Amino acid sequence: MDILHLILLAIIQGLTEFLPISSSAHLIIPAQLFDMPDQGLAFDIAVHVGSLAAVLYYLRADICALAVGWFTSISDGESSAESRMVWYLVIGTVPIGLGGLLFGGLVEAHLRSLSVIATTTILFAVILAIADKKSSQQKTIASLNWRGALMVGLAQTLALVPGTSRSGITMTAALALGFDRKEAARYSFLLAIPVIVLSGGYQVLQIFTDNQAVTMAVSWADLMIGAVVSAIMALTCIHFFLALVNRIGMMPFVWYRLILGTFLFGVLFMGNT
């Protein structure tokens, strides 16, 4: 695999990880349409590390406040908004963690196809549009409770299916609960942190326990380039998305998903004729 291919994949990962358009789908589509070689688990981990670094940096003030609040609550036994938010993030992460352990193999074996991606891309575009239109958009993250955290967490398990979009389905669920678009996005980005850590940890475990999991050899230089490019693109994406989402709404992403899904169905139809 040449360096331009690796940079392209890193750009795709960085741009799509936090937008409601499915990063997994955008990494699968080029491989299936253009018969590109598998980039391998090591590179997947590198670009996810880049995305993780970007969200940690952008939300560093929030993360520091959450960490201080949580440790303070442990030491003095008094709950705070920050300490409760940490537990809400845990509640929101447990369902997808369990879902990945129970159904990850099934998804990898049977659901990484263009037909599945085309279907979920269109289906969850429609659901996102409905949630965005019907949402009261009056709530902030501070008003989240454990029931809302669990609802968003359960919705997030659907992101195991390629084409759904982890950020898209969590924003959809938050909007359905009445959250402001920007607040829904911020919560989705916070929720991405433990999910990326768990996913990366599982991939590292695969590398050490299954020699067949590493499908290609990549140099440390390639991994570093992938991580840096992914981080830069993800940081740019987060900044502009949060700055503009209340102004532009979710419909540009809905229309993009509808066009992409229709295109994929067209490709599948032409391939069968």
C-alpha atoms as a PDB file:
ATOM      1  CA  MET A   1       0.000   0.000   0.000  1.00  0.00           C
ATOM      2  CA  ASP A   2       1.478   3.357  -1.025  1.00  0.00           C
ATOM      3  CA  ILE A   3       1.706   6.466   1.116  1.00  0.00           C
ATOM      4  CA  LEU A   4      -1.049   8.305  -0.789  1.00  0.00           C
ATOM      5  CA  HIS A   5      -3.463   5.474  -0.027  1.00  0.00           C
ATOM      6  CA  LEU A   6      -2.568   5.587   3.661  1.00  0.00           C
ATOM      7  CA  ILE A   7      -2.995   9.369   3.801  1.00  0.00           C
ATOM      8  CA  LEU A   8      -6.364   9.087   2.039  1.00  0.00           C
ATOM      9  CA  LEU A   9      -7.581   6.551   4.593  1.00  0.00           C
ATOM     10  CA  ALA A  10      -6.331   8.725   7.464  1.00  0.00           C
ATOM     11  CA  ILE A  11      -8.156  11.749   6.023  1.00  0.00           C
ATOM     12  CA  ILE A  12     -11.357   9.727   5.681  1.00  0.00           C
ATOM     13  CA  GLN A  13     -11.080   8.450   9.251  1.00  0.00           C
ATOM     14  CA  GLY A  14     -10.377  11.892  10.682  1.00  0.00           C
ATOM     15  CA  LEU A  15     -13.182  13.614   8.795  1.00  0.00           C
ATOM     16  CA  THR A  16     -15.870  10.991   9.332  1.00  0.00           C
ATOM     17  CA  GLU A  17     -15.243   9.770  12.897  1.00  0.00           C
ATOM     18  CA  PHE A  18     -17.184  12.629  14.478  1.00  0.00           C
ATOM     19  CA  LEU A  19     -19.631  13.517  11.711  1.00  0.00           C
ATOM     20  CA  PRO A  20     -23.005  11.707  11.571  1.00  0.00           C
ATOM     21  CA  ILE A  21     -22.082   9.863   8.351  1.00  0.00           C
ATOM     22  CA  SER A  22     -20.290   6.668   9.553  1.00  0.00           C
ATOM     23  CA  SER A  23     -16.513   6.378   9.473  1.00  0.00           C
ATOM     24  CA  SER A  24     -16.631   2.571   9.245  1.00  0.00           C
ATOM     25  CA  ALA A  25     -18.753   2.768   6.097  1.00  0.00           C
ATOM     26  CA  HIS A  26     -16.403   5.258   4.461  1.00  0.00           C
ATOM     27  CA  LEU A  27     -13.442   2.980   5.144  1.00  0.00           C
ATOM     28  CA  ILE A  28     -15.222  -0.115   3.820  1.00  0.00           C
ATOM     29  CA  ILE A  29     -16.650   1.499   0.667  1.00  0.00           C
ATOM     30  CA  PRO A  30     -13.309   2.317  -1.079  1.00  0.00           C
ATOM     31  CA  ALA A  31     -11.976  -1.144  -0.320  1.00  0.00           C
ATOM     32  CA  GLN A  32     -15.034  -2.843  -1.842  1.00  0.00           C
ATOM     33  CA  LEU A  33     -15.621  -0.497  -4.786  1.00  0.00           C
ATOM     34  CA  PHE A  34     -11.990  -0.123  -5.875  1.00  0.00           C
ATOM     35  CA  ASP A  35     -10.565  -3.390  -4.575  1.00  0.00           C
ATOM     36  CA  MET A  36      -8.084  -1.623  -2.321  1.00  0.00           C
ATOM     37  CA  PRO A  37      -5.915  -3.760  -0.058  1.00  0.00           C
ATOM     38  CA  ASP A  38      -6.779  -4.044   3.633  1.00  0.00           C
ATOM     39  CA  GLN A  39      -4.826  -1.476   5.614  1.00  0.00           C
ATOM     40  CA  GLY A  40      -4.508  -3.839   8.579  1.00  0.00           C
ATOM     41  CA  LEU A  41      -5.266  -3.563  12.271  1.00  0.00           C
ATOM     42  CA  ALA A  42      -2.080  -1.701  13.139  1.00  0.00           C
ATOM     43  CA  PHE A  43      -3.033   1.173  10.833  1.00  0.00           C
ATOM     44  CA  ASP A  44      -6.630   1.112  12.084  1.00  0.00           C
ATOM     45  CA  ILE A  45      -5.327   1.568  15.613  1.00  0.00           C
ATOM     46  CA  ALA A  46      -3.016   4.396  14.551  1.00  0.00           C
ATOM     47  CA  VAL A  47      -5.752   6.472  12.904  1.00  0.00           C
ATOM     48  CA  HIS A  48      -8.071   5.889  15.850  1.00  0.00           C
ATOM     49  CA  VAL A  49      -5.314   7.080  18.177  1.00  0.00           C
ATOM     50  CA  GLY A  50      -5.155  10.218  16.061  1.00  0.00           C
ATOM     51  CA  SER A  51      -8.916  10.750  16.359  1.00  0.00           C
ATOM     52  CA  LEU A  52      -8.735  10.124  20.094  1.00  0.00           C
ATOM     53  CA  ALA A  53      -5.918  12.640  20.510  1.00  0.00           C
ATOM     54  CA  ALA A  54      -7.981  15.235  18.629  1.00  0.00           C
ATOM     55  CA  VAL A  55     -11.098  14.910  20.790  1.00  0.00           C
ATOM     56  CA  LEU A  56      -9.041  14.780  24.005  1.00  0.00           C
ATOM     57  CA  TYR A  57      -7.289  17.993  23.031  1.00  0.00           C
ATOM     58  CA  TYR A  58     -10.415  19.838  21.917  1.00  0.00           C
ATOM     59  CA  LEU A  59     -12.441  18.862  24.994  1.00  0.00           C
ATOM     60  CA  ARG A  60      -9.509  19.072  27.413  1.00  0.00           C
ATOM     61  CA  ALA A  61     -11.214  21.665  29.632  1.00  0.00           C
ATOM     62  CA  ASP A  62     -14.356  19.522  29.928  1.00  0.00           C
ATOM     63  CA  ILE A  63     -12.308  16.396  30.577  1.00  0.00           C
ATOM     64  CA  CYS A  64     -10.223  18.061  33.292  1.00  0.00           C
ATOM     65  CA  ALA A  65     -13.388  19.336  34.979  1.00  0.00           C
ATOM     66  CA  LEU A  66     -14.956  15.874  34.835  1.00  0.00           C
ATOM     67  CA  ALA A  67     -11.819  14.238  36.233  1.00  0.00           C
ATOM     68  CA  VAL A  68     -11.542  16.728  39.107  1.00  0.00           C
ATOM     69  CA  GLY A  69     -15.233  16.408  39.900  1.00  0.00           C
ATOM     70  CA  TRP A  70     -15.134  12.628  39.891  1.00  0.00           C
ATOM     71  CA  PHE A  71     -12.034  12.307  42.072  1.00  0.00           C
ATOM     72  CA  THR A  72     -13.416  14.945  44.445  1.00  0.00           C
ATOM     73  CA  SER A  73     -16.660  13.007  44.778  1.00  0.00           C
ATOM     74  CA  ILE A  74     -14.690   9.844  45.551  1.00  0.00           C
ATOM     75  CA  SER A  75     -12.652  11.591  48.239  1.00  0.00           C
ATOM     76  CA  ASP A  76     -15.400  13.576  49.988  1.00  0.00           C
ATOM     77  CA  GLY A  77     -18.411  11.468  49.062  1.00  0.00           C
ATOM     78  CA  GLU A  78     -20.388  14.371  47.641  1.00  0.00           C
ATOM     79  CA  SER A  79     -21.902  14.150  44.183  1.00  0.00           C
ATOM     80  CA  SER A  80     -21.519  16.944  41.636  1.00  0.00           C
ATOM     81  CA  ALA A  81     -22.663  17.594  38.079  1.00  0.00           C
ATOM     82  CA  GLU A  82     -19.188  16.608  36.837  1.00  0.00           C
ATOM     83  CA  SER A  83     -19.010  13.370  38.822  1.00  0.00           C
ATOM     84  CA  ARG A  84     -22.492  12.387  37.683  1.00  0.00           C
ATOM     85  CA  MET A  85     -21.512  13.034  34.069  1.00  0.00           C
ATOM     86  CA  VAL A  86     -18.610  10.582  34.405  1.00  0.00           C
ATOM     87  CA  TRP A  87     -21.037   7.897  35.553  1.00  0.00           C
ATOM     88  CA  TYR A  88     -23.421   8.793  32.725  1.00  0.00           C
ATOM     89  CA  LEU A  89     -20.564   8.243  30.262  1.00  0.00           C
ATOM     90  CA  VAL A  90     -19.931   4.852  31.869  1.00  0.00           C
ATOM     91  CA  ILE A  91     -23.635   3.972  31.610  1.00  0.00           C
ATOM     92  CA  GLY A  92     -23.610   5.066  27.967  1.00  0.00           C
ATOM     93  CA  THR A  93     -20.544   2.978  27.146  1.00  0.00           C
ATOM     94  CA  VAL A  94     -21.468  -0.339  28.782  1.00  0.00           C
ATOM     95  CA  PRO A  95     -24.122  -1.355  26.188  1.00  0.00           C
ATOM     96  CA  ILE A  96     -21.840  -0.993  23.166  1.00  0.00           C
ATOM     97  CA  GLY A  97     -19.002  -2.685  25.053  1.00  0.00           C
ATOM     98  CA  LEU A  98     -21.183  -5.699  25.782  1.00  0.00           C
ATOM     99  CA  GLY A  99     -22.657  -5.591  22.290  1.00  0.00           C
ATOM    100  CA  GLY A 100     -19.214  -5.618  20.724  1.00  0.00           C
ATOM    101  CA  LEU A 101     -18.147  -8.633  22.787  1.00  0.00           C
ATOM    102  CA  LEU A 102     -21.348 -10.559  22.036  1.00  0.00           C
ATOM    103  CA  PHE A 103     -22.002  -9.617  18.419  1.00  0.00           C
ATOM    104  CA  GLY A 104     -18.737  -8.198  17.061  1.00  0.00           C
ATOM    105  CA  GLY A 105     -17.831 -11.443  15.321  1.00  0.00           C
ATOM    106  CA  LEU A 106     -21.276 -11.699  13.728  1.00  0.00           C
ATOM    107  CA  VAL A 107     -21.036  -8.150  12.432  1.00  0.00           C
ATOM    108  CA  GLU A 108     -17.542  -8.704  10.996  1.00  0.00           C
ATOM    109  CA  ALA A 109     -18.601 -11.924   9.294  1.00  0.00           C
ATOM    110  CA  HIS A 110     -21.971 -10.951   7.840  1.00  0.00           C
ATOM    111  CA  LEU A 111     -22.712  -7.215   7.938  1.00  0.00           C
ATOM    112  CA  ARG A 112     -19.707  -5.519   6.313  1.00  0.00           C
ATOM    113  CA  SER A 113     -21.339  -5.430   2.882  1.00  0.00           C
ATOM    114  CA  LEU A 114     -22.386  -2.643   0.539  1.00  0.00           C
ATOM    115  CA  SER A 115     -26.031  -3.711   0.727  1.00  0.00           C
ATOM    116  CA  VAL A 116     -26.051  -3.375   4.522  1.00  0.00           C
ATOM    117  CA  ILE A 117     -24.209  -0.043   4.383  1.00  0.00           C
ATOM    118  CA  ALA A 118     -26.571   1.322   1.730  1.00  0.00           C
ATOM    119  CA  THR A 119     -29.601   0.314   3.809  1.00  0.00           C
ATOM    120  CA  THR A 120     -28.366   1.686   7.129  1.00  0.00           C
ATOM    121  CA  THR A 121     -27.063   4.864   5.504  1.00  0.00           C
ATOM    122  CA  ILE A 122     -30.537   5.717   4.209  1.00  0.00           C
ATOM    123  CA  LEU A 123     -32.521   4.371   7.171  1.00  0.00           C
ATOM    124  CA  PHE A 124     -30.618   6.294   9.821  1.00  0.00           C
ATOM    125  CA  ALA A 125     -30.557   9.410   7.651  1.00  0.00           C
ATOM    126  CA  VAL A 126     -34.354   9.438   7.789  1.00  0.00           C
ATOM    127  CA  ILE A 127     -34.359   8.823  11.547  1.00  0.00           C
ATOM    128  CA  LEU A 128     -31.818  11.640  12.072  1.00  0.00           C
ATOM    129  CA  ALA A 129     -33.964  14.015  10.004  1.00  0.00           C
ATOM    130  CA  ILE A 130     -37.066  13.191  12.052  1.00  0.00           C
ATOM    131  CA  ALA A 131     -35.224  13.607  15.362  1.00  0.00           C
ATOM    132  CA  ASP A 132     -33.725  16.915  14.247  1.00  0.00           C
ATOM    133  CA  LYS A 133     -37.081  18.274  13.098  1.00  0.00           C
ATOM    134  CA  LYS A 134     -39.109  17.103  16.093  1.00  0.00           C
ATOM    135  CA  SER A 135     -36.574  17.886  18.833  1.00  0.00           C
ATOM    136  CA  SER A 136     -37.403  20.703  21.228  1.00  0.00           C
ATOM    137  CA  GLN A 137     -33.639  21.464  21.348  1.00  0.00           C
ATOM    138  CA  GLN A 138     -33.961  23.106  24.742  1.00  0.00           C
ATOM    139  CA  LYS A 139     -31.933  20.817  27.002  1.00  0.00           C
ATOM    140  CA  THR A 140     -28.253  21.048  27.859  1.00  0.00           C
ATOM    141  CA  ILE A 141     -25.812  18.370  28.963  1.00  0.00           C
ATOM    142  CA  ALA A 142     -26.316  19.524  32.554  1.00  0.00           C
ATOM    143  CA  SER A 143     -29.910  18.251  32.426  1.00  0.00           C
ATOM    144  CA  LEU A 144     -28.889  14.700  31.472  1.00  0.00           C
ATOM    145  CA  ASN A 145     -29.924  11.935  33.877  1.00  0.00           C
ATOM    146  CA  TRP A 146     -29.150   8.222  34.055  1.00  0.00           C
ATOM    147  CA  ARG A 147     -32.225   7.280  32.017  1.00  0.00           C
ATOM    148  CA  GLY A 148     -31.197   9.574  29.184  1.00  0.00           C
ATOM    149  CA  ALA A 149     -27.619   8.302  29.371  1.00  0.00           C
ATOM    150  CA  LEU A 150     -28.886   4.714  29.134  1.00  0.00           C
ATOM    151  CA  MET A 151     -31.130   5.550  26.163  1.00  0.00           C
ATOM    152  CA  VAL A 152     -28.251   7.140  24.267  1.00  0.00           C
ATOM    153  CA  GLY A 153     -26.006   4.218  25.225  1.00  0.00           C
ATOM    154  CA  LEU A 154     -28.510   1.643  23.979  1.00  0.00           C
ATOM    155  CA  ALA A 155     -28.902   3.577  20.726  1.00  0.00           C
ATOM    156  CA  GLN A 156     -25.120   3.604  20.367  1.00  0.00           C
ATOM    157  CA  THR A 157     -25.057  -0.205  20.132  1.00  0.00           C
ATOM    158  CA  LEU A 158     -26.676   0.125  16.703  1.00  0.00           C
ATOM    159  CA  ALA A 159     -23.401   1.666  15.530  1.00  0.00           C
ATOM    160  CA  LEU A 160     -21.897  -1.825  15.546  1.00  0.00           C
ATOM    161  CA  VAL A 161     -23.630  -2.206  12.180  1.00  0.00           C
ATOM    162  CA  PRO A 162     -21.586  -0.459   9.455  1.00  0.00           C
ATOM    163  CA  GLY A 163     -23.281   2.566   7.955  1.00  0.00           C
ATOM    164  CA  THR A 164     -25.182   3.491  11.111  1.00  0.00           C
ATOM    165  CA  SER A 165     -22.604   6.025  12.434  1.00  0.00           C
ATOM    166  CA  ARG A 166     -21.752   6.069  16.139  1.00  0.00           C
ATOM    167  CA  SER A 167     -21.811   9.851  16.294  1.00  0.00           C
ATOM    168  CA  GLY A 168     -24.931   9.978  14.147  1.00  0.00           C
ATOM    169  CA  ILE A 169     -26.992   7.601  16.262  1.00  0.00           C
ATOM    170  CA  THR A 170     -25.915   9.164  19.562  1.00  0.00           C
ATOM    171  CA  MET A 171     -26.744  12.649  18.278  1.00  0.00           C
ATOM    172  CA  THR A 172     -30.066  11.317  17.004  1.00  0.00           C
ATOM    173  CA  ALA A 173     -30.897   9.862  20.416  1.00  0.00           C
ATOM    174  CA  ALA A 174     -29.833  13.057  22.201  1.00  0.00           C
ATOM    175  CA  LEU A 175     -31.947  15.167  19.848  1.00  0.00           C
ATOM    176  CA  ALA A 176     -34.905  12.862  20.452  1.00  0.00           C
ATOM    177  CA  LEU A 177     -34.460  13.569  24.173  1.00  0.00           C
ATOM    178  CA  GLY A 178     -34.752  17.299  23.446  1.00  0.00           C
ATOM    179  CA  PHE A 179     -31.110  18.347  23.514  1.00  0.00           C
ATOM    180  CA  ASP A 180     -29.759  21.346  21.651  1.00  0.00           C
ATOM    181  CA  ARG A 181     -27.787  20.305  18.533  1.00  0.00           C
ATOM    182  CA  LYS A 182     -24.465  21.574  19.856  1.00  0.00           C
ATOM    183  CA  GLU A 183     -25.050  19.968  23.258  1.00  0.00           C
ATOM    184  CA  ALA A 184     -25.999  16.688  21.574  1.00  0.00           C
ATOM    185  CA  ALA A 185     -22.786  16.827  19.564  1.00  0.00           C
ATOM    186  CA  ARG A 186     -20.625  17.626  22.608  1.00  0.00           C
ATOM    187  CA  TYR A 187     -22.087  14.687  24.519  1.00  0.00           C
ATOM    188  CA  SER A 188     -21.566  12.448  21.502  1.00  0.00           C
ATOM    189  CA  PHE A 189     -17.912  13.524  21.315  1.00  0.00           C
ATOM    190  CA  LEU A 190     -17.394  12.904  25.052  1.00  0.00           C
ATOM    191  CA  LEU A 191     -19.005   9.490  24.653  1.00  0.00           C
ATOM    192  CA  ALA A 192     -16.623   8.750  21.788  1.00  0.00           C
ATOM    193  CA  ILE A 193     -13.620   8.816  24.123  1.00  0.00           C
ATOM    194  CA  PRO A 194     -14.290   5.596  26.089  1.00  0.00           C
ATOM    195  CA  VAL A 195     -15.620   3.890  22.955  1.00  0.00           C
ATOM    196  CA  ILE A 196     -12.458   4.625  20.961  1.00  0.00           C
ATOM    197  CA  VAL A 197     -10.309   3.506  23.910  1.00  0.00           C
ATOM    198  CA  LEU A 198     -12.234   0.224  24.234  1.00  0.00           C
ATOM    199  CA  SER A 199     -12.203  -0.392  20.491  1.00  0.00           C
ATOM    200  CA  GLY A 200      -8.483   0.326  20.251  1.00  0.00           C
ATOM    201  CA  GLY A 201      -7.759  -1.905  23.228  1.00  0.00           C
ATOM    202  CA  TYR A 202      -9.707  -4.741  21.638  1.00  0.00           C
ATOM    203  CA  GLN A 203      -7.805  -4.312  18.364  1.00  0.00           C
ATOM    204  CA  VAL A 204      -4.471  -4.369  20.207  1.00  0.00           C
ATOM    205  CA  LEU A 205      -5.573  -7.576  21.916  1.00  0.00           C
ATOM    206  CA  GLN A 206      -6.386  -9.064  18.509  1.00  0.00           C
ATOM    207  CA  ILE A 207      -2.902  -8.279  17.260  1.00  0.00           C
ATOM    208  CA  PHE A 208      -1.293 -10.092  20.177  1.00  0.00           C
ATOM    209  CA  THR A 209      -3.657 -13.063  20.226  1.00  0.00           C
ATOM    210  CA  ASP A 210      -4.339 -13.675  16.518  1.00  0.00           C
ATOM    211  CA  ASN A 211      -1.449 -13.563  14.089  1.00  0.00           C
ATOM    212  CA  GLN A 212      -3.906 -13.596  11.210  1.00  0.00           C
ATOM    213  CA  ALA A 213      -5.394 -10.291  12.372  1.00  0.00           C
ATOM    214  CA  VAL A 214      -2.475  -8.298  10.993  1.00  0.00           C
ATOM    215  CA  THR A 215      -3.178  -8.305   7.286  1.00  0.00           C
ATOM    216  CA  MET A 216      -0.326  -6.123   6.127  1.00  0.00           C
ATOM    217  CA  ALA A 217       3.029  -4.872   7.321  1.00  0.00           C
ATOM    218  CA  VAL A 218       3.285  -1.130   7.863  1.00  0.00           C
ATOM    219  CA  SER A 219       6.251   0.861   9.032  1.00  0.00           C
ATOM    220  CA  TRP A 220       6.304   2.994  12.146  1.00  0.00           C
ATOM    221  CA  ALA A 221       6.617   6.014   9.853  1.00  0.00           C
ATOM    222  CA  ASP A 222       3.389   5.051   8.085  1.00  0.00           C
ATOM    223  CA  LEU A 223       1.621   4.623  11.419  1.00  0.00           C
ATOM    224  CA  MET A 224       2.818   8.015  12.625  1.00  0.00           C
ATOM    225  CA  ILE A 225       1.725   9.704   9.398  1.00  0.00           C
ATOM    226  CA  GLY A 226      -1.689   8.058   9.662  1.00  0.00           C
ATOM    227  CA  ALA A 227      -2.131   9.125  13.296  1.00  0.00           C
ATOM    228  CA  VAL A 228      -1.044  12.727  12.669  1.00  0.00           C
ATOM    229  CA  VAL A 229      -3.181  13.181   9.545  1.00  0.00           C
ATOM    230  CA  SER A 230      -6.190  11.634  11.285  1.00  0.00           C
ATOM    231  CA  ALA A 231      -5.683  13.888  14.321  1.00  0.00           C
ATOM    232  CA  ILE A 232      -5.434  17.062  12.229  1.00  0.00           C
ATOM    233  CA  MET A 233      -8.522  16.240  10.188  1.00  0.00           C
ATOM    234  CA  ALA A 234     -10.530  15.164  13.250  1.00  0.00           C
ATOM    235  CA  LEU A 235      -9.595  18.316  15.179  1.00  0.00           C
ATOM    236  CA  THR A 236     -10.603  20.494  12.235  1.00  0.00           C
ATOM    237  CA  CYS A 237     -13.842  18.581  11.838  1.00  0.00           C
ATOM    238  CA  ILE A 238     -14.791  18.846  15.532  1.00  0.00           C
ATOM    239  CA  HIS A 239     -14.058  22.585  15.622  1.00  0.00           C
ATOM    240  CA  PHE A 240     -16.135  23.510  12.588  1.00  0.00           C
ATOM    241  CA  PHE A 241     -18.944  21.066  13.334  1.00  0.00           C
ATOM    242  CA  LEU A 242     -19.503  22.461  16.833  1.00  0.00           C
ATOM    243  CA  ALA A 243     -19.180  26.021  15.528  1.00  0.00           C
ATOM    244  CA  LEU A 244     -21.706  25.538  12.740  1.00  0.00           C
ATOM    245  CA  VAL A 245     -24.117  22.761  13.730  1.00  0.00           C
ATOM    246  CA  ASN A 246     -26.730  25.024  15.347  1.00  0.00           C
ATOM    247  CA  ARG A 247     -26.645  27.247  12.250  1.00  0.00           C
ATOM    248  CA  ILE A 248     -26.694  24.600   9.515  1.00  0.00           C
ATOM    249  CA  GLY A 249     -28.548  21.844  11.365  1.00  0.00           C
ATOM    250  CA  MET A 250     -28.370  18.151  10.518  1.00  0.00           C
ATOM    251  CA  MET A 251     -30.011  18.235   7.104  1.00  0.00           C
ATOM    252  CA  PRO A 252     -26.780  18.598   5.048  1.00  0.00           C
ATOM    253  CA  PHE A 253     -25.625  15.311   6.569  1.00  0.00           C
ATOM    254  CA  VAL A 254     -29.042  13.744   6.043  1.00  0.00           C
ATOM    255  CA  TRP A 255     -28.975  14.656   2.340  1.00  0.00           C
ATOM    256  CA  TYR A 256     -25.396  13.416   2.013  1.00  0.00           C
ATOM    257  CA  ARG A 257     -26.384  10.070   3.517  1.00  0.00           C
ATOM    258  CA  LEU A 258     -29.432   9.768   1.266  1.00  0.00           C
ATOM    259  CA  ILE A 259     -27.333  10.495  -1.827  1.00  0.00           C
ATOM    260  CA  LEU A 260     -24.588   8.079  -0.744  1.00  0.00           C
ATOM    261  CA  GLY A 261     -27.057   5.306   0.049  1.00  0.00           C
ATOM    262  CA  THR A 262     -28.849   5.764  -3.271  1.00  0.00           C
ATOM    263  CA  PHE A 263     -25.520   5.695  -5.107  1.00  0.00           C
ATOM    264  CA  LEU A 264     -24.538   2.452  -3.382  1.00  0.00           C
ATOM    265  CA  PHE A 265     -27.850   0.837  -4.281  1.00  0.00           C
ATOM    266  CA  GLY A 266     -27.222   1.950  -7.862  1.00  0.00           C
ATOM    267  CA  VAL A 267     -23.795   0.321  -7.820  1.00  0.00           C
ATOM    268  CA  LEU A 268     -25.283  -2.889  -6.459  1.00  0.00           C
ATOM    269  CA  PHE A 269     -28.057  -2.842  -9.091  1.00  0.00           C
ATOM    270  CA  MET A 270     -25.594  -2.293 -11.920  1.00  0.00           C
ATOM    271  CA  GLY A 271     -23.402  -5.056 -10.573  1.00  0.00           C
ATOM    272  CA  ASN A 272     -26.297  -7.513 -10.676  1.00  0.00           C
ATOM    273  CA  THR A 273     -27.332  -6.688 -14.262  1.00  0.00           C
END
